[in-house]
PDB file of all heavy atoms in Angstrom:
ATOM      1  N   GLY A   1       8.788   3.143  -3.467  1.00  0.00           N
ATOM      2  CA  GLY A   1       7.714   3.469  -4.430  1.00  0.00           C
ATOM      3  C   GLY A   1       6.450   2.731  -4.247  1.00  0.00           C
ATOM      4  O   GLY A   1       6.396   1.522  -4.572  1.00  0.00           O
ATOM      5  N   PRO A   2       5.336   3.393  -3.870  1.00  0.00           N
ATOM      6  CA  PRO A   2       4.024   2.818  -4.141  1.00  0.00           C
ATOM      7  C   PRO A   2       3.757   2.741  -5.694  1.00  0.00           C
ATOM      8  O   PRO A   2       4.528   3.421  -6.392  1.00  0.00           O
ATOM      9  CB  PRO A   2       3.069   3.892  -3.544  1.00  0.00           C
ATOM     10  CG  PRO A   2       3.955   4.600  -2.572  1.00  0.00           C
ATOM     11  CD  PRO A   2       5.337   4.654  -3.115  1.00  0.00           C
ATOM     12  N   TYR A   3       2.867   1.965  -6.134  1.00  0.00           N
ATOM     13  CA  TYR A   3       2.674   1.796  -7.569  1.00  0.00           C
ATOM     14  C   TYR A   3       1.206   1.448  -7.899  1.00  0.00           C
ATOM     15  O   TYR A   3       0.498   0.898  -7.078  1.00  0.00           O
ATOM     16  CB  TYR A   3       3.658   0.661  -8.048  1.00  0.00           C
ATOM     17  CG  TYR A   3       3.462  -0.656  -7.451  1.00  0.00           C
ATOM     18  CD1 TYR A   3       2.605  -1.644  -7.997  1.00  0.00           C
ATOM     19  CD2 TYR A   3       4.093  -0.992  -6.253  1.00  0.00           C
ATOM     20  CE1 TYR A   3       2.413  -2.852  -7.378  1.00  0.00           C
ATOM     21  CE2 TYR A   3       3.950  -2.294  -5.630  1.00  0.00           C
ATOM     22  CZ  TYR A   3       3.090  -3.156  -6.187  1.00  0.00           C
ATOM     23  OH  TYR A   3       2.938  -4.401  -5.594  1.00  0.00           O
ATOM     24  N   PHE A   4       0.902   1.792  -9.101  1.00  0.00           N
ATOM     25  CA  PHE A   4      -0.415   1.511  -9.604  1.00  0.00           C
ATOM     26  C   PHE A   4      -0.590   0.039  -9.837  1.00  0.00           C
ATOM     27  O   PHE A   4       0.249  -0.627 -10.468  1.00  0.00           O
ATOM     28  CB  PHE A   4      -0.697   2.260 -10.943  1.00  0.00           C
ATOM     29  CG  PHE A   4      -0.918   3.759 -10.750  1.00  0.00           C
ATOM     30  CD1 PHE A   4       0.078   4.596 -11.037  1.00  0.00           C
ATOM     31  CD2 PHE A   4      -2.121   4.240 -10.394  1.00  0.00           C
ATOM     32  CE1 PHE A   4      -0.026   5.966 -10.936  1.00  0.00           C
ATOM     33  CE2 PHE A   4      -2.336   5.599 -10.221  1.00  0.00           C
ATOM     34  CZ  PHE A   4      -1.303   6.461 -10.497  1.00  0.00           C
ATOM     35  N   GLY A   5      -1.661  -0.578  -9.336  1.00  0.00           N
ATOM     36  CA  GLY A   5      -1.986  -1.980  -9.588  1.00  0.00           C
ATOM     37  C   GLY A   5      -3.215  -2.102 -10.414  1.00  0.00           C
ATOM     38  O   GLY A   5      -3.754  -1.100 -10.899  1.00  0.00           O
ATOM     39  N   PRO A   6      -3.667  -3.295 -10.623  1.00  0.00           N
ATOM     40  CA  PRO A   6      -4.895  -3.531 -11.461  1.00  0.00           C
ATOM     41  C   PRO A   6      -6.151  -3.154 -10.648  1.00  0.00           C
ATOM     42  O   PRO A   6      -6.067  -2.890  -9.404  1.00  0.00           O
ATOM     43  CB  PRO A   6      -4.827  -4.995 -11.776  1.00  0.00           C
ATOM     44  CG  PRO A   6      -4.090  -5.580 -10.594  1.00  0.00           C
ATOM     45  CD  PRO A   6      -3.131  -4.565 -10.226  1.00  0.00           C
ATOM     46  N   GLU A   7      -7.276  -3.126 -11.312  1.00  0.00           N
ATOM     47  CA  GLU A   7      -8.568  -2.963 -10.644  1.00  0.00           C
ATOM     48  C   GLU A   7      -8.689  -1.645  -9.863  1.00  0.00           C
ATOM     49  O   GLU A   7      -9.310  -1.606  -8.779  1.00  0.00           O
ATOM     50  CB  GLU A   7      -8.874  -4.138  -9.723  1.00  0.00           C
ATOM     51  CG  GLU A   7      -8.677  -5.501 -10.360  1.00  0.00           C
ATOM     52  CD  GLU A   7      -9.612  -5.723 -11.579  1.00  0.00           C
ATOM     53  OE1 GLU A   7     -10.710  -5.108 -11.581  1.00  0.00           O
ATOM     54  OE2 GLU A   7      -9.259  -6.408 -12.534  1.00  0.00           O
ATOM     55  N   GLY A   8      -7.992  -0.587 -10.308  1.00  0.00           N
ATOM     56  CA  GLY A   8      -8.192   0.725  -9.688  1.00  0.00           C
ATOM     57  C   GLY A   8      -7.649   0.819  -8.302  1.00  0.00           C
ATOM     58  O   GLY A   8      -8.152   1.569  -7.462  1.00  0.00           O
ATOM     59  N   GLU A   9      -6.527   0.149  -8.063  1.00  0.00           N
ATOM     60  CA  GLU A   9      -5.846   0.204  -6.781  1.00  0.00           C
ATOM     61  C   GLU A   9      -4.441   0.700  -6.907  1.00  0.00           C
ATOM     62  O   GLU A   9      -3.803   0.633  -7.994  1.00  0.00           O
ATOM     63  CB  GLU A   9      -5.890  -1.174  -6.099  1.00  0.00           C
ATOM     64  CG  GLU A   9      -7.261  -1.614  -5.639  1.00  0.00           C
ATOM     65  CD  GLU A   9      -7.197  -2.997  -4.965  1.00  0.00           C
ATOM     66  OE1 GLU A   9      -6.506  -3.846  -5.451  1.00  0.00           O
ATOM     67  OE2 GLU A   9      -7.857  -3.101  -3.898  1.00  0.00           O
ATOM     68  N   ILE A  10      -3.928   1.188  -5.747  1.00  0.00           N
ATOM     69  CA  ILE A  10      -2.481   1.558  -5.628  1.00  0.00           C
ATOM     70  C   ILE A  10      -1.951   0.680  -4.525  1.00  0.00           C
ATOM     71  O   ILE A  10      -2.577   0.524  -3.479  1.00  0.00           O
ATOM     72  CB  ILE A  10      -2.326   3.000  -5.273  1.00  0.00           C
ATOM     73  CG1 ILE A  10      -2.745   3.902  -6.488  1.00  0.00           C
ATOM     74  CG2 ILE A  10      -0.897   3.297  -4.880  1.00  0.00           C
ATOM     75  CD1 ILE A  10      -2.806   5.386  -6.025  1.00  0.00           C
ATOM     76  N   PHE A  11      -0.832   0.022  -4.778  1.00  0.00           N
ATOM     77  CA  PHE A  11      -0.172  -0.821  -3.765  1.00  0.00           C
ATOM     78  C   PHE A  11       0.952  -0.053  -3.119  1.00  0.00           C
ATOM     79  O   PHE A  11       1.698   0.659  -3.795  1.00  0.00           O
ATOM     80  CB  PHE A  11       0.285  -2.134  -4.372  1.00  0.00           C
ATOM     81  CG  PHE A  11      -0.791  -3.027  -4.820  1.00  0.00           C
ATOM     82  CD1 PHE A  11      -1.246  -3.083  -6.171  1.00  0.00           C
ATOM     83  CD2 PHE A  11      -1.432  -3.883  -3.920  1.00  0.00           C
ATOM     84  CE1 PHE A  11      -2.236  -3.866  -6.546  1.00  0.00           C
ATOM     85  CE2 PHE A  11      -2.449  -4.720  -4.306  1.00  0.00           C
ATOM     86  CZ  PHE A  11      -2.821  -4.733  -5.638  1.00  0.00           C
ATOM     87  N   ALA A  12       1.077  -0.212  -1.784  1.00  0.00           N
ATOM     88  CA  ALA A  12       2.150   0.485  -1.056  1.00  0.00           C
ATOM     89  C   ALA A  12       2.618  -0.381   0.155  1.00  0.00           C
ATOM     90  O   ALA A  12       1.760  -1.025   0.723  1.00  0.00           O
ATOM     91  CB  ALA A  12       1.676   1.816  -0.629  1.00  0.00           C
ATOM     92  N   GLN A  13       3.899  -0.280   0.449  1.00  0.00           N
ATOM     93  CA  GLN A  13       4.404  -0.891   1.714  1.00  0.00           C
ATOM     94  C   GLN A  13       4.208   0.182   2.759  1.00  0.00           C
ATOM     95  O   GLN A  13       4.762   1.297   2.641  1.00  0.00           O
ATOM     96  CB  GLN A  13       5.833  -1.284   1.572  1.00  0.00           C
ATOM     97  CG  GLN A  13       6.069  -2.516   0.710  1.00  0.00           C
ATOM     98  CD  GLN A  13       7.508  -3.025   0.835  1.00  0.00           C
ATOM     99  OE1 GLN A  13       8.026  -3.156   1.937  1.00  0.00           O
ATOM    100  NE2 GLN A  13       8.131  -3.214  -0.246  1.00  0.00           N
ATOM    101  N   TRP A  14       3.429  -0.133   3.789  1.00  0.00           N
ATOM    102  CA  TRP A  14       3.042   0.829   4.777  1.00  0.00           C
ATOM    103  C   TRP A  14       3.493   0.372   6.168  1.00  0.00           C
ATOM    104  O   TRP A  14       3.504  -0.834   6.479  1.00  0.00           O
ATOM    105  CB  TRP A  14       1.598   1.057   4.763  1.00  0.00           C
ATOM    106  CG  TRP A  14       1.069   1.913   5.865  1.00  0.00           C
ATOM    107  CD1 TRP A  14       0.967   3.289   5.892  1.00  0.00           C
ATOM    108  CD2 TRP A  14       0.548   1.431   7.167  1.00  0.00           C
ATOM    109  NE1 TRP A  14       0.472   3.670   7.131  1.00  0.00           N
ATOM    110  CE2 TRP A  14       0.211   2.573   7.876  1.00  0.00           C
ATOM    111  CE3 TRP A  14       0.338   0.211   7.762  1.00  0.00           C
ATOM    112  CZ2 TRP A  14      -0.348   2.469   9.188  1.00  0.00           C
ATOM    113  CZ3 TRP A  14      -0.173   0.082   9.032  1.00  0.00           C
ATOM    114  CH2 TRP A  14      -0.554   1.246   9.688  1.00  0.00           C
ATOM    115  N   GLN A  15       3.865   1.275   7.025  1.00  0.00           N
ATOM    116  CA  GLN A  15       4.128   0.997   8.411  1.00  0.00           C
ATOM    117  C   GLN A  15       3.992   2.244   9.244  1.00  0.00           C
ATOM    118  O   GLN A  15       4.004   3.321   8.738  1.00  0.00           O
ATOM    119  CB  GLN A  15       5.554   0.435   8.644  1.00  0.00           C
ATOM    120  CG  GLN A  15       6.668   1.385   8.195  1.00  0.00           C
ATOM    121  CD  GLN A  15       8.002   0.764   8.322  1.00  0.00           C
ATOM    122  OE1 GLN A  15       8.441   0.414   9.426  1.00  0.00           O
ATOM    123  NE2 GLN A  15       8.734   0.606   7.184  1.00  0.00           N
ATOM    124  N   ASP A  16       3.797   2.085  10.565  1.00  0.00           N
ATOM    125  CA  ASP A  16       3.911   3.212  11.436  1.00  0.00           C
ATOM    126  C   ASP A  16       4.596   2.734  12.724  1.00  0.00           C
ATOM    127  O   ASP A  16       5.134   1.731  12.735  1.00  0.00           O
ATOM    128  CB  ASP A  16       2.529   3.906  11.728  1.00  0.00           C
ATOM    129  CG  ASP A  16       1.550   3.002  12.460  1.00  0.00           C
ATOM    130  OD1 ASP A  16       1.984   1.896  12.970  1.00  0.00           O
ATOM    131  OD2 ASP A  16       0.367   3.392  12.587  1.00  0.00           O
ATOM    132  N   ALA A  17       4.581   3.593  13.750  1.00  0.00           N
ATOM    133  CA  ALA A  17       5.391   3.257  14.944  1.00  0.00           C
ATOM    134  C   ALA A  17       4.956   2.023  15.647  1.00  0.00           C
ATOM    135  O   ALA A  17       5.777   1.367  16.336  1.00  0.00           O
ATOM    136  CB  ALA A  17       5.326   4.439  15.942  1.00  0.00           C
ATOM    137  N   VAL A  18       3.636   1.629  15.481  1.00  0.00           N
ATOM    138  CA  VAL A  18       3.136   0.480  16.166  1.00  0.00           C
ATOM    139  C   VAL A  18       2.808  -0.667  15.305  1.00  0.00           C
ATOM    140  O   VAL A  18       2.374  -1.795  15.764  1.00  0.00           O
ATOM    141  CB  VAL A  18       2.000   0.834  17.095  1.00  0.00           C
ATOM    142  CG1 VAL A  18       2.426   1.809  18.182  1.00  0.00           C
ATOM    143  CG2 VAL A  18       0.838   1.431  16.301  1.00  0.00           C
ATOM    144  N   HIS A  19       2.937  -0.551  13.948  1.00  0.00           N
ATOM    145  CA  HIS A  19       2.642  -1.615  12.986  1.00  0.00           C
ATOM    146  C   HIS A  19       3.886  -1.866  12.125  1.00  0.00           C
ATOM    147  O   HIS A  19       4.346  -0.914  11.460  1.00  0.00           O
ATOM    148  CB  HIS A  19       1.437  -1.232  12.125  1.00  0.00           C
ATOM    149  CG  HIS A  19       0.149  -0.986  12.890  1.00  0.00           C
ATOM    150  ND1 HIS A  19      -0.190   0.259  13.305  1.00  0.00           N
ATOM    151  CD2 HIS A  19      -0.804  -1.909  13.246  1.00  0.00           C
ATOM    152  CE1 HIS A  19      -1.370   0.104  13.912  1.00  0.00           C
ATOM    153  NE2 HIS A  19      -1.789  -1.166  13.888  1.00  0.00           N
ATOM    154  N   PRO A  20       4.372  -3.101  12.071  1.00  0.00           N
ATOM    155  CA  PRO A  20       5.472  -3.395  11.172  1.00  0.00           C
ATOM    156  C   PRO A  20       4.994  -3.303   9.706  1.00  0.00           C
ATOM    157  O   PRO A  20       3.775  -3.300   9.472  1.00  0.00           O
ATOM    158  CB  PRO A  20       5.907  -4.817  11.557  1.00  0.00           C
ATOM    159  CG  PRO A  20       4.713  -5.384  12.250  1.00  0.00           C
ATOM    160  CD  PRO A  20       3.999  -4.273  12.884  1.00  0.00           C
ATOM    161  N   SER A  21       5.993  -3.362   8.827  1.00  0.00           N
ATOM    162  CA  SER A  21       5.639  -3.190   7.390  1.00  0.00           C
ATOM    163  C   SER A  21       4.599  -4.135   6.861  1.00  0.00           C
ATOM    164  O   SER A  21       4.696  -5.386   7.175  1.00  0.00           O
ATOM    165  CB  SER A  21       6.922  -3.286   6.601  1.00  0.00           C
ATOM    166  OG  SER A  21       6.729  -3.070   5.246  1.00  0.00           O
ATOM    167  N   GLN A  22       3.697  -3.716   6.084  1.00  0.00           N
ATOM    168  CA  GLN A  22       2.695  -4.558   5.475  1.00  0.00           C
ATOM    169  C   GLN A  22       2.351  -3.971   4.086  1.00  0.00           C
ATOM    170  O   GLN A  22       2.499  -2.746   3.890  1.00  0.00           O
ATOM    171  CB  GLN A  22       1.461  -4.676   6.336  1.00  0.00           C
ATOM    172  CG  GLN A  22       0.854  -3.367   6.728  1.00  0.00           C
ATOM    173  CD  GLN A  22      -0.289  -3.517   7.764  1.00  0.00           C
ATOM    174  OE1 GLN A  22      -1.455  -3.321   7.459  1.00  0.00           O
ATOM    175  NE2 GLN A  22       0.089  -3.874   8.971  1.00  0.00           N
ATOM    176  N   LEU A  23       1.968  -4.818   3.156  1.00  0.00           N
ATOM    177  CA  LEU A  23       1.569  -4.373   1.834  1.00  0.00           C
ATOM    178  C   LEU A  23       0.071  -4.103   1.884  1.00  0.00           C
ATOM    179  O   LEU A  23      -0.735  -5.039   2.232  1.00  0.00           O
ATOM    180  CB  LEU A  23       1.881  -5.442   0.834  1.00  0.00           C
ATOM    181  CG  LEU A  23       1.535  -5.146  -0.632  1.00  0.00           C
ATOM    182  CD1 LEU A  23       2.382  -3.907  -1.160  1.00  0.00           C
ATOM    183  CD2 LEU A  23       1.720  -6.344  -1.566  1.00  0.00           C
ATOM    184  N   ILE A  24      -0.286  -2.915   1.596  1.00  0.00           N
ATOM    185  CA  ILE A  24      -1.702  -2.498   1.615  1.00  0.00           C
ATOM    186  C   ILE A  24      -2.139  -2.020   0.174  1.00  0.00           C
ATOM    187  O   ILE A  24      -1.326  -1.652  -0.629  1.00  0.00           O
ATOM    188  CB  ILE A  24      -2.003  -1.402   2.644  1.00  0.00           C
ATOM    189  CG1 ILE A  24      -1.210  -0.132   2.279  1.00  0.00           C
ATOM    190  CG2 ILE A  24      -1.633  -1.909   4.072  1.00  0.00           C
ATOM    191  CD1 ILE A  24      -1.650   1.074   3.207  1.00  0.00           C
ATOM    192  N   ALA A  25      -3.428  -2.057   0.013  1.00  0.00           N
ATOM    193  CA  ALA A  25      -4.036  -1.524  -1.257  1.00  0.00           C
ATOM    194  C   ALA A  25      -4.800  -0.307  -0.924  1.00  0.00           C
ATOM    195  O   ALA A  25      -5.537  -0.180   0.062  1.00  0.00           O
ATOM    196  CB  ALA A  25      -4.918  -2.603  -1.969  1.00  0.00           C
ATOM    197  N   LEU A  26      -4.696   0.759  -1.796  1.00  0.00           N
ATOM    198  CA  LEU A  26      -5.465   1.993  -1.710  1.00  0.00           C
ATOM    199  C   LEU A  26      -6.288   2.165  -2.879  1.00  0.00           C
ATOM    200  O   LEU A  26      -5.963   1.758  -3.986  1.00  0.00           O
ATOM    201  CB  LEU A  26      -4.476   3.156  -1.559  1.00  0.00           C
ATOM    202  CG  LEU A  26      -3.314   3.054  -0.562  1.00  0.00           C
ATOM    203  CD1 LEU A  26      -2.383   4.237  -0.705  1.00  0.00           C
ATOM    204  CD2 LEU A  26      -3.850   3.028   0.897  1.00  0.00           C
ATOM    205  N   ASP A  27      -7.465   2.825  -2.719  1.00  0.00           N
ATOM    206  CA  ASP A  27      -8.245   3.172  -3.796  1.00  0.00           C
ATOM    207  C   ASP A  27      -7.509   4.258  -4.677  1.00  0.00           C
ATOM    208  O   ASP A  27      -7.103   5.225  -4.152  1.00  0.00           O
ATOM    209  CB  ASP A  27      -9.619   3.777  -3.283  1.00  0.00           C
ATOM    210  CG  ASP A  27     -10.565   4.061  -4.404  1.00  0.00           C
ATOM    211  OD1 ASP A  27     -10.303   5.078  -5.116  1.00  0.00           O
ATOM    212  OD2 ASP A  27     -11.579   3.360  -4.598  1.00  0.00           O
ATOM    213  N   ALA A  28      -7.376   3.973  -5.948  1.00  0.00           N
ATOM    214  CA  ALA A  28      -6.589   4.835  -6.800  1.00  0.00           C
ATOM    215  C   ALA A  28      -7.202   6.227  -7.049  1.00  0.00           C
ATOM    216  O   ALA A  28      -6.528   7.100  -7.546  1.00  0.00           O
ATOM    217  CB  ALA A  28      -6.383   4.184  -8.179  1.00  0.00           C
TER     218      ALA A  28
END
């Protein structure tokens, strides 16, 4: 689960084939 964070952001654990898991912030 990605989730709503403060300050108009969404937090998510993201990865792809060449990047290991990282916590990123998205514009909500």
